[in-house]
Amino acid sequence: MGVPRARRTKSKQGHRRSHLALKKRVLTKCVQCATPVLPHTVCYNCGYYKGRQVVKIKDKKSKVVKNK
């Protein structure tokens, strides 16, 4: 079984962890409704992808449920 020869310095530890930083998300605008959308995904606002409608989105008025 391998045993570490010497203690790793803070510098070496920092170099190893340099790739662990979070990266900013890239957002693009939807061609149809201009809302920010992740690339290569269907727009959650209008249901369009690459200029054609892929998913039918219900109207926001129909989503409201009336209570008795």
N, C-alpha and C. Protein backbone atom coordinates (compact mmCIF):
# COMPACT_ATOMS: atom_id res chain seq x y z
N MET A 1 0.84 -1.18 0.00
CA MET A 1 0.00 0.00 0.00
C MET A 1 0.89 1.24 0.00
N GLY A 2 0.52 2.23 -0.84
CA GLY A 2 1.33 3.43 -0.96
C GLY A 2 1.24 4.32 0.27
N VAL A 3 2.38 4.87 0.66
CA VAL A 3 2.44 5.77 1.80
C VAL A 3 3.03 7.09 1.32
N PRO A 4 2.40 8.23 1.66
CA PRO A 4 2.95 9.52 1.23
C PRO A 4 4.35 9.75 1.81
N ARG A 5 5.28 10.16 0.98
CA ARG A 5 6.66 10.38 1.42
C ARG A 5 6.78 11.64 2.28
N ALA A 6 6.10 12.72 1.84
CA ALA A 6 6.22 13.98 2.56
C ALA A 6 4.89 14.72 2.53
N ARG A 7 4.76 15.67 3.42
CA ARG A 7 3.55 16.46 3.52
C ARG A 7 3.42 17.37 2.29
N ARG A 8 2.21 17.48 1.76
CA ARG A 8 1.97 18.37 0.62
C ARG A 8 1.86 19.81 1.12
N THR A 9 2.55 20.70 0.46
CA THR A 9 2.53 22.10 0.89
C THR A 9 1.23 22.77 0.48
N LYS A 10 0.98 23.94 1.08
CA LYS A 10 -0.22 24.71 0.76
C LYS A 10 -0.21 25.14 -0.70
N SER A 11 0.97 25.39 -1.22
CA SER A 11 1.11 25.80 -2.61
C SER A 11 0.67 24.68 -3.56
N LYS A 12 1.17 23.48 -3.30
CA LYS A 12 0.81 22.33 -4.14
C LYS A 12 -0.69 22.03 -4.03
N GLN A 13 -1.21 22.16 -2.82
CA GLN A 13 -2.64 21.94 -2.58
C GLN A 13 -3.48 22.96 -3.37
N GLY A 14 -3.02 24.21 -3.39
CA GLY A 14 -3.72 25.25 -4.13
C GLY A 14 -3.69 25.00 -5.63
N HIS A 15 -2.55 24.55 -6.13
CA HIS A 15 -2.43 24.22 -7.55
C HIS A 15 -3.38 23.09 -7.93
N ARG A 16 -3.50 22.10 -7.06
CA ARG A 16 -4.39 20.99 -7.34
C ARG A 16 -5.85 21.44 -7.36
N ARG A 17 -6.21 22.34 -6.45
CA ARG A 17 -7.60 22.79 -6.32
C ARG A 17 -7.95 23.94 -7.26
N SER A 18 -7.05 24.36 -8.10
CA SER A 18 -7.30 25.52 -8.97
C SER A 18 -8.41 25.27 -9.97
N HIS A 19 -8.69 24.02 -10.27
CA HIS A 19 -9.73 23.71 -11.24
C HIS A 19 -11.09 23.46 -10.59
N LEU A 20 -11.18 23.61 -9.28
CA LEU A 20 -12.43 23.35 -8.58
C LEU A 20 -13.34 24.57 -8.48
N ALA A 21 -12.90 25.72 -8.98
CA ALA A 21 -13.69 26.93 -8.87
C ALA A 21 -14.96 26.81 -9.72
N LEU A 22 -16.04 27.44 -9.24
CA LEU A 22 -17.30 27.43 -9.99
C LEU A 22 -17.19 28.36 -11.18
N LYS A 23 -17.82 27.97 -12.27
CA LYS A 23 -17.81 28.78 -13.48
C LYS A 23 -19.16 29.43 -13.68
N LYS A 24 -19.16 30.60 -14.29
CA LYS A 24 -20.39 31.32 -14.54
C LYS A 24 -21.21 30.61 -15.60
N ARG A 25 -22.54 30.58 -15.43
CA ARG A 25 -23.41 29.96 -16.42
C ARG A 25 -23.56 30.87 -17.62
N VAL A 26 -23.53 30.28 -18.80
CA VAL A 26 -23.69 31.04 -20.03
C VAL A 26 -25.16 31.01 -20.41
N LEU A 27 -25.75 32.17 -20.57
CA LEU A 27 -27.15 32.26 -20.97
C LEU A 27 -27.25 32.90 -22.35
N THR A 28 -28.18 32.40 -23.16
CA THR A 28 -28.46 33.01 -24.45
C THR A 28 -29.90 33.49 -24.44
N LYS A 29 -30.26 34.32 -25.40
CA LYS A 29 -31.63 34.81 -25.49
C LYS A 29 -32.43 33.91 -26.41
N CYS A 30 -33.67 33.65 -26.01
CA CYS A 30 -34.58 32.88 -26.85
C CYS A 30 -34.89 33.69 -28.10
N VAL A 31 -34.89 33.03 -29.26
CA VAL A 31 -35.14 33.72 -30.52
C VAL A 31 -36.57 34.23 -30.57
N GLN A 32 -37.50 33.49 -29.98
CA GLN A 32 -38.91 33.81 -30.07
C GLN A 32 -39.32 34.90 -29.08
N CYS A 33 -38.99 34.72 -27.79
CA CYS A 33 -39.51 35.64 -26.77
C CYS A 33 -38.42 36.44 -26.04
N ALA A 34 -37.17 36.22 -26.36
CA ALA A 34 -36.03 36.98 -25.84
C ALA A 34 -35.82 36.82 -24.33
N THR A 35 -36.27 35.73 -23.73
CA THR A 35 -35.96 35.48 -22.33
C THR A 35 -34.65 34.72 -22.23
N PRO A 36 -33.89 34.89 -21.15
CA PRO A 36 -32.62 34.17 -21.01
C PRO A 36 -32.85 32.66 -20.85
N VAL A 37 -32.11 31.87 -21.64
CA VAL A 37 -32.26 30.41 -21.65
C VAL A 37 -30.87 29.79 -21.70
N LEU A 38 -30.71 28.64 -21.06
CA LEU A 38 -29.46 27.89 -21.20
C LEU A 38 -29.34 27.40 -22.64
N PRO A 39 -28.13 27.37 -23.19
CA PRO A 39 -27.98 26.91 -24.57
C PRO A 39 -28.35 25.43 -24.72
N HIS A 40 -28.86 25.08 -25.88
CA HIS A 40 -29.25 23.71 -26.24
C HIS A 40 -30.39 23.19 -25.37
N THR A 41 -31.27 24.07 -24.91
CA THR A 41 -32.43 23.65 -24.14
C THR A 41 -33.67 24.34 -24.67
N VAL A 42 -34.82 23.74 -24.42
CA VAL A 42 -36.10 24.31 -24.83
C VAL A 42 -36.41 25.49 -23.93
N CYS A 43 -36.96 26.55 -24.51
CA CYS A 43 -37.33 27.73 -23.73
C CYS A 43 -38.52 27.36 -22.84
N TYR A 44 -38.38 27.60 -21.54
CA TYR A 44 -39.45 27.26 -20.61
C TYR A 44 -40.60 28.26 -20.69
N ASN A 45 -40.36 29.41 -21.28
CA ASN A 45 -41.38 30.45 -21.35
C ASN A 45 -42.32 30.25 -22.54
N CYS A 46 -41.77 29.92 -23.71
CA CYS A 46 -42.60 29.80 -24.91
C CYS A 46 -42.60 28.41 -25.53
N GLY A 47 -41.65 27.55 -25.16
CA GLY A 47 -41.62 26.17 -25.67
C GLY A 47 -40.93 26.02 -27.02
N TYR A 48 -40.18 27.02 -27.45
CA TYR A 48 -39.50 26.96 -28.75
C TYR A 48 -38.07 26.47 -28.59
N TYR A 49 -37.59 25.76 -29.62
CA TYR A 49 -36.19 25.33 -29.68
C TYR A 49 -35.77 25.37 -31.14
N LYS A 50 -34.70 26.08 -31.42
CA LYS A 50 -34.17 26.25 -32.77
C LYS A 50 -35.23 26.78 -33.74
N GLY A 51 -36.04 27.72 -33.29
CA GLY A 51 -36.99 28.40 -34.17
C GLY A 51 -38.30 27.67 -34.41
N ARG A 52 -38.52 26.53 -33.77
CA ARG A 52 -39.81 25.85 -33.94
C ARG A 52 -40.33 25.41 -32.59
N GLN A 53 -41.66 25.32 -32.49
CA GLN A 53 -42.27 24.97 -31.22
C GLN A 53 -42.17 23.48 -30.98
N VAL A 54 -41.60 23.12 -29.85
CA VAL A 54 -41.37 21.73 -29.50
C VAL A 54 -42.32 21.29 -28.40
N VAL A 55 -42.60 22.20 -27.46
CA VAL A 55 -43.45 21.90 -26.32
C VAL A 55 -44.57 22.92 -26.28
N LYS A 56 -45.80 22.43 -26.06
CA LYS A 56 -46.92 23.35 -25.92
C LYS A 56 -46.97 23.82 -24.47
N ILE A 57 -46.99 25.14 -24.29
CA ILE A 57 -47.04 25.73 -22.97
C ILE A 57 -48.46 26.20 -22.71
N LYS A 58 -49.01 25.84 -21.53
CA LYS A 58 -50.35 26.30 -21.18
C LYS A 58 -50.31 27.78 -20.87
N ASP A 59 -51.44 28.44 -21.08
CA ASP A 59 -51.54 29.86 -20.73
C ASP A 59 -51.41 30.02 -19.23
N LYS A 60 -50.88 31.16 -18.82
CA LYS A 60 -50.70 31.40 -17.40
C LYS A 60 -52.06 31.56 -16.71
N LYS A 61 -53.09 32.00 -17.45
CA LYS A 61 -54.41 32.15 -16.87
C LYS A 61 -55.03 30.80 -16.55
N SER A 62 -54.76 29.79 -17.37
CA SER A 62 -55.36 28.47 -17.15
C SER A 62 -54.69 27.73 -15.98
N LYS A 63 -53.51 28.18 -15.56
CA LYS A 63 -52.81 27.52 -14.47
C LYS A 63 -53.43 27.86 -13.11
N VAL A 64 -54.16 28.98 -13.04
CA VAL A 64 -54.75 29.40 -11.79
C VAL A 64 -55.91 28.49 -11.45
N VAL A 65 -55.91 27.95 -10.24
CA VAL A 65 -56.97 27.07 -9.78
C VAL A 65 -57.83 27.82 -8.77
N LYS A 66 -59.13 27.79 -8.99
CA LYS A 66 -60.03 28.49 -8.08
C LYS A 66 -60.36 27.60 -6.89
N ASN A 67 -60.32 28.19 -5.71
CA ASN A 67 -60.69 27.48 -4.48
C ASN A 67 -62.16 27.69 -4.20
N LYS A 68 -62.78 26.74 -3.51
CA LYS A 68 -64.22 26.86 -3.18
C LYS A 68 -64.46 27.83 -2.08
